[in-house]
Amino acid sequence: MSHVICDLPRDDRPRERMLMHGPETLSDAELVALFIGSGRRGRNAVEISRDLLQEGISSLARREVAYLTDVPGIGVAKATRVVAAFELARRIAAGRPDEPPAFDRHVLGTTLVTRYGRHMQERLGAVLLDSRHRILKEKEIFVGTINSALVSTSDIIRFALLERGTGIVVFHNHPSGNPTPSGEDESFTQKLRFSLSTCDIELVDHLIVSAHGYISMKDKGML
């Protein structure tokens, strides 16, 4: 066998064959070769992959980085790619859920402007967070008149407790087009923060949105 993969006929190169015929046509060694990328002097990536697979693919899947780096031609970078690939495969097989996205007030605020900025009725909702401020769930809780929403702090607290969140971001829209917090917004926010704190739930922010943008009460020092 040629010692450099690029010297092989195109139909024998793992990458080209995958692109032409699909990954199912590749051997275990060829698939592993795509992870390690390159060989070393005298041995190409497929040959080194066969060395890694001498005890079978299941054995390779259990190996740690330190073990793999003992194989000639496998450095830390190549070993970590192989270990990472098998770890991802284990997570998929176990049905492990995706990591929830982290809360970012700018990203959330911009999204809410798109969704709620032009509503002619006030709508209030909440985004539930875990202890690491990752987003667990979002829910629209109230729809009110053009001037006000009939808001009950108990319903917001119930949502947080049922979903087992430790932090919450509330949001509502101003149909007037001006996202500046009103006196009612400020008093409601302080009342809600106190009520949530009695249940060990943090009010992380209150976002007010309109067609022209949003305001974070946290950024404004109102929380």
C-alpha atoms as a PDB file:
ATOM      1  CA  MET A   1       0.000   0.000   0.000  1.00  0.00           C
ATOM      2  CA  SER A   2       1.153   3.544  -0.703  1.00  0.00           C
ATOM      3  CA  HIS A   3       2.456   5.374   2.335  1.00  0.00           C
ATOM      4  CA  VAL A   4       0.669   8.633   1.448  1.00  0.00           C
ATOM      5  CA  ILE A   5      -3.103   8.610   0.940  1.00  0.00           C
ATOM      6  CA  CYS A   6      -2.952  11.247  -1.793  1.00  0.00           C
ATOM      7  CA  ASP A   7      -0.817   8.808  -3.839  1.00  0.00           C
ATOM      8  CA  LEU A   8      -3.662   6.294  -3.890  1.00  0.00           C
ATOM      9  CA  PRO A   9      -6.111   6.128  -6.808  1.00  0.00           C
ATOM     10  CA  ARG A  10      -9.050   8.492  -6.165  1.00  0.00           C
ATOM     11  CA  ASP A  11     -11.490   5.597  -5.664  1.00  0.00           C
ATOM     12  CA  ASP A  12      -9.254   4.217  -2.898  1.00  0.00           C
ATOM     13  CA  ARG A  13      -9.025   7.464  -0.912  1.00  0.00           C
ATOM     14  CA  PRO A  14     -11.423   7.438   2.066  1.00  0.00           C
ATOM     15  CA  ARG A  15     -12.531  11.060   1.763  1.00  0.00           C
ATOM     16  CA  GLU A  16     -13.200  10.914  -1.961  1.00  0.00           C
ATOM     17  CA  ARG A  17     -15.040   7.578  -1.689  1.00  0.00           C
ATOM     18  CA  MET A  18     -17.209   8.930   1.118  1.00  0.00           C
ATOM     19  CA  LEU A  19     -18.138  11.952  -0.977  1.00  0.00           C
ATOM     20  CA  MET A  20     -18.892   9.823  -4.019  1.00  0.00           C
ATOM     21  CA  HIS A  21     -20.523   6.764  -2.455  1.00  0.00           C
ATOM     22  CA  GLY A  22     -21.424   7.624   1.159  1.00  0.00           C
ATOM     23  CA  PRO A  23     -19.844   6.833   4.553  1.00  0.00           C
ATOM     24  CA  GLU A  24     -21.383   3.347   4.700  1.00  0.00           C
ATOM     25  CA  THR A  25     -18.978   2.204   1.973  1.00  0.00           C
ATOM     26  CA  LEU A  26     -15.891   2.857   4.127  1.00  0.00           C
ATOM     27  CA  SER A  27     -14.201   0.300   6.369  1.00  0.00           C
ATOM     28  CA  ASP A  28     -13.711   0.967  10.095  1.00  0.00           C
ATOM     29  CA  ALA A  29     -10.051   1.773   9.459  1.00  0.00           C
ATOM     30  CA  GLU A  30     -10.929   4.254   6.723  1.00  0.00           C
ATOM     31  CA  LEU A  31     -13.458   6.013   8.950  1.00  0.00           C
ATOM     32  CA  VAL A  32     -10.924   6.308  11.756  1.00  0.00           C
ATOM     33  CA  ALA A  33      -8.364   7.551   9.215  1.00  0.00           C
ATOM     34  CA  LEU A  34     -10.629  10.490   8.450  1.00  0.00           C
ATOM     35  CA  PHE A  35     -10.466  11.489  12.124  1.00  0.00           C
ATOM     36  CA  ILE A  36      -6.705  11.228  12.472  1.00  0.00           C
ATOM     37  CA  GLY A  37      -6.231  13.010   9.154  1.00  0.00           C
ATOM     38  CA  SER A  38      -2.639  12.138   8.319  1.00  0.00           C
ATOM     39  CA  GLY A  39      -0.071   9.429   8.849  1.00  0.00           C
ATOM     40  CA  ARG A  40       3.632   9.544   9.534  1.00  0.00           C
ATOM     41  CA  ARG A  41       6.756   8.773   7.581  1.00  0.00           C
ATOM     42  CA  GLY A  42       6.391   5.302   6.114  1.00  0.00           C
ATOM     43  CA  ARG A  43       2.746   4.732   7.125  1.00  0.00           C
ATOM     44  CA  ASN A  44      -0.378   6.480   5.918  1.00  0.00           C
ATOM     45  CA  ALA A  45      -3.474   7.275   8.007  1.00  0.00           C
ATOM     46  CA  VAL A  46      -5.341   4.084   7.010  1.00  0.00           C
ATOM     47  CA  GLU A  47      -2.415   1.875   8.044  1.00  0.00           C
ATOM     48  CA  ILE A  48      -2.116   3.645  11.406  1.00  0.00           C
ATOM     49  CA  SER A  49      -5.872   3.280  11.885  1.00  0.00           C
ATOM     50  CA  ARG A  50      -5.518  -0.477  11.389  1.00  0.00           C
ATOM     51  CA  ASP A  51      -2.953  -0.461  14.188  1.00  0.00           C
ATOM     52  CA  LEU A  52      -5.485   1.295  16.437  1.00  0.00           C
ATOM     53  CA  LEU A  53      -8.147  -1.255  15.535  1.00  0.00           C
ATOM     54  CA  GLN A  54      -6.106  -4.407  16.182  1.00  0.00           C
ATOM     55  CA  GLU A  55      -8.316  -5.279  19.173  1.00  0.00           C
ATOM     56  CA  GLY A  56     -11.544  -4.187  17.465  1.00  0.00           C
ATOM     57  CA  ILE A  57     -13.583  -1.026  17.267  1.00  0.00           C
ATOM     58  CA  SER A  58     -15.297  -1.626  20.627  1.00  0.00           C
ATOM     59  CA  SER A  59     -11.910  -1.748  22.315  1.00  0.00           C
ATOM     60  CA  LEU A  60     -10.812   1.444  20.567  1.00  0.00           C
ATOM     61  CA  ALA A  61     -13.995   3.186  21.725  1.00  0.00           C
ATOM     62  CA  ARG A  62     -12.974   2.622  25.367  1.00  0.00           C
ATOM     63  CA  ARG A  63      -9.409   3.891  25.023  1.00  0.00           C
ATOM     64  CA  GLU A  64      -8.224   7.086  26.655  1.00  0.00           C
ATOM     65  CA  VAL A  65      -6.011   9.749  25.120  1.00  0.00           C
ATOM     66  CA  ALA A  66      -2.902   8.634  27.027  1.00  0.00           C
ATOM     67  CA  TYR A  67      -3.214   5.088  25.639  1.00  0.00           C
ATOM     68  CA  LEU A  68      -3.708   6.224  22.046  1.00  0.00           C
ATOM     69  CA  THR A  69      -0.683   8.521  22.073  1.00  0.00           C
ATOM     70  CA  ASP A  70       1.516   5.464  22.671  1.00  0.00           C
ATOM     71  CA  VAL A  71       0.697   4.326  19.129  1.00  0.00           C
ATOM     72  CA  PRO A  72       3.364   5.559  16.681  1.00  0.00           C
ATOM     73  CA  GLY A  73       1.928   8.323  14.505  1.00  0.00           C
ATOM     74  CA  ILE A  74      -0.776   9.318  17.016  1.00  0.00           C
ATOM     75  CA  GLY A  75      -0.157  12.574  18.839  1.00  0.00           C
ATOM     76  CA  VAL A  76      -2.382  14.351  21.333  1.00  0.00           C
ATOM     77  CA  ALA A  77      -4.392  16.199  18.661  1.00  0.00           C
ATOM     78  CA  LYS A  78      -5.231  13.007  16.753  1.00  0.00           C
ATOM     79  CA  ALA A  79      -5.970  11.058  19.933  1.00  0.00           C
ATOM     80  CA  THR A  80      -8.378  13.693  21.246  1.00  0.00           C
ATOM     81  CA  ARG A  81     -10.279  13.726  17.936  1.00  0.00           C
ATOM     82  CA  VAL A  82     -10.757   9.955  18.086  1.00  0.00           C
ATOM     83  CA  VAL A  83     -11.842   9.992  21.737  1.00  0.00           C
ATOM     84  CA  ALA A  84     -14.230  12.908  21.088  1.00  0.00           C
ATOM     85  CA  ALA A  85     -15.835  11.081  18.152  1.00  0.00           C
ATOM     86  CA  PHE A  86     -16.590   7.997  20.246  1.00  0.00           C
ATOM     87  CA  GLU A  87     -17.914  10.135  23.112  1.00  0.00           C
ATOM     88  CA  LEU A  88     -20.358  11.841  20.753  1.00  0.00           C
ATOM     89  CA  ALA A  89     -21.456   8.447  19.458  1.00  0.00           C
ATOM     90  CA  ARG A  90     -22.111   7.268  23.035  1.00  0.00           C
ATOM     91  CA  ARG A  91     -24.200  10.343  23.784  1.00  0.00           C
ATOM     92  CA  ILE A  92     -26.285   9.870  20.651  1.00  0.00           C
ATOM     93  CA  ALA A  93     -26.807   6.172  21.421  1.00  0.00           C
ATOM     94  CA  ALA A  94     -27.888   7.021  24.963  1.00  0.00           C
ATOM     95  CA  GLY A  95     -30.423   9.538  23.695  1.00  0.00           C
ATOM     96  CA  ARG A  96     -28.745  12.266  25.688  1.00  0.00           C
ATOM     97  CA  PRO A  97     -30.574  15.575  25.159  1.00  0.00           C
ATOM     98  CA  ASP A  98     -28.846  18.537  23.601  1.00  0.00           C
ATOM     99  CA  GLU A  99     -27.343  21.128  25.914  1.00  0.00           C
ATOM    100  CA  PRO A 100     -29.887  23.906  26.469  1.00  0.00           C
ATOM    101  CA  PRO A 101     -28.806  27.298  25.116  1.00  0.00           C
ATOM    102  CA  ALA A 102     -27.373  29.880  27.506  1.00  0.00           C
ATOM    103  CA  PHE A 103     -29.422  32.979  28.278  1.00  0.00           C
ATOM    104  CA  ASP A 104     -28.166  36.031  26.408  1.00  0.00           C
ATOM    105  CA  ARG A 105     -30.314  39.115  26.973  1.00  0.00           C
ATOM    106  CA  HIS A 106     -29.319  40.666  23.650  1.00  0.00           C
ATOM    107  CA  VAL A 107     -30.191  37.549  21.662  1.00  0.00           C
ATOM    108  CA  LEU A 108     -33.458  37.058  23.553  1.00  0.00           C
ATOM    109  CA  GLY A 109     -34.372  40.744  23.362  1.00  0.00           C
ATOM    110  CA  THR A 110     -33.798  40.877  19.610  1.00  0.00           C
ATOM    111  CA  THR A 111     -35.876  37.729  19.120  1.00  0.00           C
ATOM    112  CA  LEU A 112     -38.726  39.108  21.220  1.00  0.00           C
ATOM    113  CA  VAL A 113     -38.784  42.366  19.247  1.00  0.00           C
ATOM    114  CA  THR A 114     -39.313  40.332  16.088  1.00  0.00           C
ATOM    115  CA  ARG A 115     -42.065  38.232  17.630  1.00  0.00           C
ATOM    116  CA  TYR A 116     -43.885  40.688  19.871  1.00  0.00           C
ATOM    117  CA  GLY A 117     -42.855  44.186  18.817  1.00  0.00           C
ATOM    118  CA  ARG A 118     -45.873  44.875  16.598  1.00  0.00           C
ATOM    119  CA  HIS A 119     -48.640  43.230  18.635  1.00  0.00           C
ATOM    120  CA  MET A 120     -51.488  45.614  19.409  1.00  0.00           C
ATOM    121  CA  GLN A 121     -52.233  43.916  22.735  1.00  0.00           C
ATOM    122  CA  GLU A 122     -49.876  43.615  25.667  1.00  0.00           C
ATOM    123  CA  ARG A 123     -48.487  40.126  26.092  1.00  0.00           C
ATOM    124  CA  LEU A 124     -46.428  38.929  29.017  1.00  0.00           C
ATOM    125  CA  GLY A 125     -44.306  35.817  29.064  1.00  0.00           C
ATOM    126  CA  ALA A 126     -41.443  34.208  30.892  1.00  0.00           C
ATOM    127  CA  VAL A 127     -38.261  32.335  30.054  1.00  0.00           C
ATOM    128  CA  LEU A 128     -37.228  29.767  32.629  1.00  0.00           C
ATOM    129  CA  LEU A 129     -33.534  29.229  33.427  1.00  0.00           C
ATOM    130  CA  ASP A 130     -31.567  26.561  35.261  1.00  0.00           C
ATOM    131  CA  SER A 131     -28.854  27.168  37.853  1.00  0.00           C
ATOM    132  CA  ARG A 132     -26.330  27.884  35.076  1.00  0.00           C
ATOM    133  CA  HIS A 133     -28.662  30.375  33.392  1.00  0.00           C
ATOM    134  CA  ARG A 134     -29.410  28.037  30.497  1.00  0.00           C
ATOM    135  CA  ILE A 135     -32.834  28.323  28.895  1.00  0.00           C
ATOM    136  CA  LEU A 136     -35.195  25.509  29.867  1.00  0.00           C
ATOM    137  CA  LYS A 137     -38.550  26.703  28.584  1.00  0.00           C
ATOM    138  CA  GLU A 138     -40.434  29.747  27.353  1.00  0.00           C
ATOM    139  CA  LYS A 139     -44.117  30.417  27.872  1.00  0.00           C
ATOM    140  CA  GLU A 140     -46.537  33.211  27.042  1.00  0.00           C
ATOM    141  CA  ILE A 141     -48.584  33.687  30.204  1.00  0.00           C
ATOM    142  CA  PHE A 142     -50.912  36.662  29.699  1.00  0.00           C
ATOM    143  CA  VAL A 143     -52.640  38.535  26.909  1.00  0.00           C
ATOM    144  CA  GLY A 144     -54.154  41.839  27.986  1.00  0.00           C
ATOM    145  CA  THR A 145     -55.768  44.924  26.536  1.00  0.00           C
ATOM    146  CA  ILE A 146     -53.907  47.567  24.536  1.00  0.00           C
ATOM    147  CA  ASN A 147     -53.148  49.351  27.814  1.00  0.00           C
ATOM    148  CA  SER A 148     -52.472  46.651  30.364  1.00  0.00           C
ATOM    149  CA  ALA A 149     -52.129  42.950  31.011  1.00  0.00           C
ATOM    150  CA  LEU A 150     -53.968  41.261  33.842  1.00  0.00           C
ATOM    151  CA  VAL A 151     -50.847  39.982  35.546  1.00  0.00           C
ATOM    152  CA  SER A 152     -50.740  37.693  38.565  1.00  0.00           C
ATOM    153  CA  THR A 153     -47.365  36.936  40.122  1.00  0.00           C
ATOM    154  CA  SER A 154     -48.726  33.614  41.402  1.00  0.00           C
ATOM    155  CA  ASP A 155     -49.125  32.257  37.860  1.00  0.00           C
ATOM    156  CA  ILE A 156     -45.526  33.165  37.027  1.00  0.00           C
ATOM    157  CA  ILE A 157     -44.298  31.498  40.213  1.00  0.00           C
ATOM    158  CA  ARG A 158     -46.395  28.410  39.461  1.00  0.00           C
ATOM    159  CA  PHE A 159     -44.790  28.134  36.021  1.00  0.00           C
ATOM    160  CA  ALA A 160     -41.305  28.352  37.533  1.00  0.00           C
ATOM    161  CA  LEU A 161     -42.035  25.788  40.246  1.00  0.00           C
ATOM    162  CA  LEU A 162     -43.697  23.276  37.914  1.00  0.00           C
ATOM    163  CA  GLU A 163     -40.759  23.363  35.526  1.00  0.00           C
ATOM    164  CA  ARG A 164     -38.203  23.337  38.382  1.00  0.00           C
ATOM    165  CA  GLY A 165     -36.350  26.437  37.281  1.00  0.00           C
ATOM    166  CA  THR A 166     -34.028  28.429  39.512  1.00  0.00           C
ATOM    167  CA  GLY A 167     -34.127  31.668  37.530  1.00  0.00           C
ATOM    168  CA  ILE A 168     -36.632  33.446  35.346  1.00  0.00           C
ATOM    169  CA  VAL A 169     -36.686  36.260  32.798  1.00  0.00           C
ATOM    170  CA  VAL A 170     -40.044  37.952  32.283  1.00  0.00           C
ATOM    171  CA  PHE A 171     -40.884  39.987  29.220  1.00  0.00           C
ATOM    172  CA  HIS A 172     -43.766  42.023  27.898  1.00  0.00           C
ATOM    173  CA  ASN A 173     -44.434  44.334  24.985  1.00  0.00           C
ATOM    174  CA  HIS A 174     -45.496  47.987  24.833  1.00  0.00           C
ATOM    175  CA  PRO A 175     -47.915  48.443  21.915  1.00  0.00           C
ATOM    176  CA  SER A 176     -47.272  52.199  22.102  1.00  0.00           C
ATOM    177  CA  GLY A 177     -43.868  51.656  20.519  1.00  0.00           C
ATOM    178  CA  ASN A 178     -41.966  53.093  23.487  1.00  0.00           C
ATOM    179  CA  PRO A 179     -40.172  50.383  25.508  1.00  0.00           C
ATOM    180  CA  THR A 180     -39.351  52.712  28.420  1.00  0.00           C
ATOM    181  CA  PRO A 181     -40.507  51.087  31.701  1.00  0.00           C
ATOM    182  CA  SER A 182     -43.545  52.712  33.263  1.00  0.00           C
ATOM    183  CA  GLY A 183     -44.106  53.233  36.975  1.00  0.00           C
ATOM    184  CA  GLU A 184     -46.430  50.214  36.895  1.00  0.00           C
ATOM    185  CA  ASP A 185     -43.690  48.153  35.266  1.00  0.00           C
ATOM    186  CA  GLU A 186     -41.263  49.089  38.035  1.00  0.00           C
ATOM    187  CA  SER A 187     -43.667  48.333  40.893  1.00  0.00           C
ATOM    188  CA  PHE A 188     -44.734  45.027  39.319  1.00  0.00           C
ATOM    189  CA  THR A 189     -41.104  44.007  38.803  1.00  0.00           C
ATOM    190  CA  GLN A 190     -40.186  44.679  42.437  1.00  0.00           C
ATOM    191  CA  LYS A 191     -43.263  42.803  43.642  1.00  0.00           C
ATOM    192  CA  LEU A 192     -42.435  39.848  41.401  1.00  0.00           C
ATOM    193  CA  ARG A 193     -38.793  39.786  42.474  1.00  0.00           C
ATOM    194  CA  PHE A 194     -39.804  39.627  46.139  1.00  0.00           C
ATOM    195  CA  SER A 195     -42.421  36.919  45.522  1.00  0.00           C
ATOM    196  CA  LEU A 196     -39.963  34.780  43.567  1.00  0.00           C
ATOM    197  CA  SER A 197     -37.252  35.184  46.195  1.00  0.00           C
ATOM    198  CA  THR A 198     -39.514  33.587  48.817  1.00  0.00           C
ATOM    199  CA  CYS A 199     -39.389  30.448  46.631  1.00  0.00           C
ATOM    200  CA  ASP A 200     -35.612  30.682  46.047  1.00  0.00           C
ATOM    201  CA  ILE A 201     -36.127  31.684  42.425  1.00  0.00           C
ATOM    202  CA  GLU A 202     -34.084  34.529  40.962  1.00  0.00           C
ATOM    203  CA  LEU A 203     -35.668  37.191  38.786  1.00  0.00           C
ATOM    204  CA  VAL A 204     -32.806  37.522  36.318  1.00  0.00           C
ATOM    205  CA  ASP A 205     -34.268  40.263  34.136  1.00  0.00           C
ATOM    206  CA  HIS A 206     -37.419  41.931  32.867  1.00  0.00           C
ATOM    207  CA  LEU A 207     -37.313  42.800  29.160  1.00  0.00           C
ATOM    208  CA  ILE A 208     -39.720  45.319  27.688  1.00  0.00           C
ATOM    209  CA  VAL A 209     -40.058  45.204  23.922  1.00  0.00           C
ATOM    210  CA  SER A 210     -41.618  47.338  21.225  1.00  0.00           C
ATOM    211  CA  ALA A 211     -41.435  47.643  17.476  1.00  0.00           C
ATOM    212  CA  HIS A 212     -38.406  49.893  17.887  1.00  0.00           C
ATOM    213  CA  GLY A 213     -36.276  47.818  20.265  1.00  0.00           C
ATOM    214  CA  TYR A 214     -36.144  46.524  23.800  1.00  0.00           C
ATOM    215  CA  ILE A 215     -35.011  47.630  27.246  1.00  0.00           C
ATOM    216  CA  SER A 216     -33.490  45.439  29.933  1.00  0.00           C
ATOM    217  CA  MET A 217     -34.534  46.569  33.405  1.00  0.00           C
ATOM    218  CA  LYS A 218     -31.459  44.771  34.737  1.00  0.00           C
ATOM    219  CA  ASP A 219     -29.176  46.878  32.552  1.00  0.00           C
ATOM    220  CA  LYS A 220     -31.042  50.004  33.641  1.00  0.00           C
ATOM    221  CA  GLY A 221     -30.399  49.244  37.319  1.00  0.00           C
ATOM    222  CA  MET A 222     -34.089  48.702  38.031  1.00  0.00           C
ATOM    223  CA  LEU A 223     -33.573  45.145  39.295  1.00  0.00           C
END
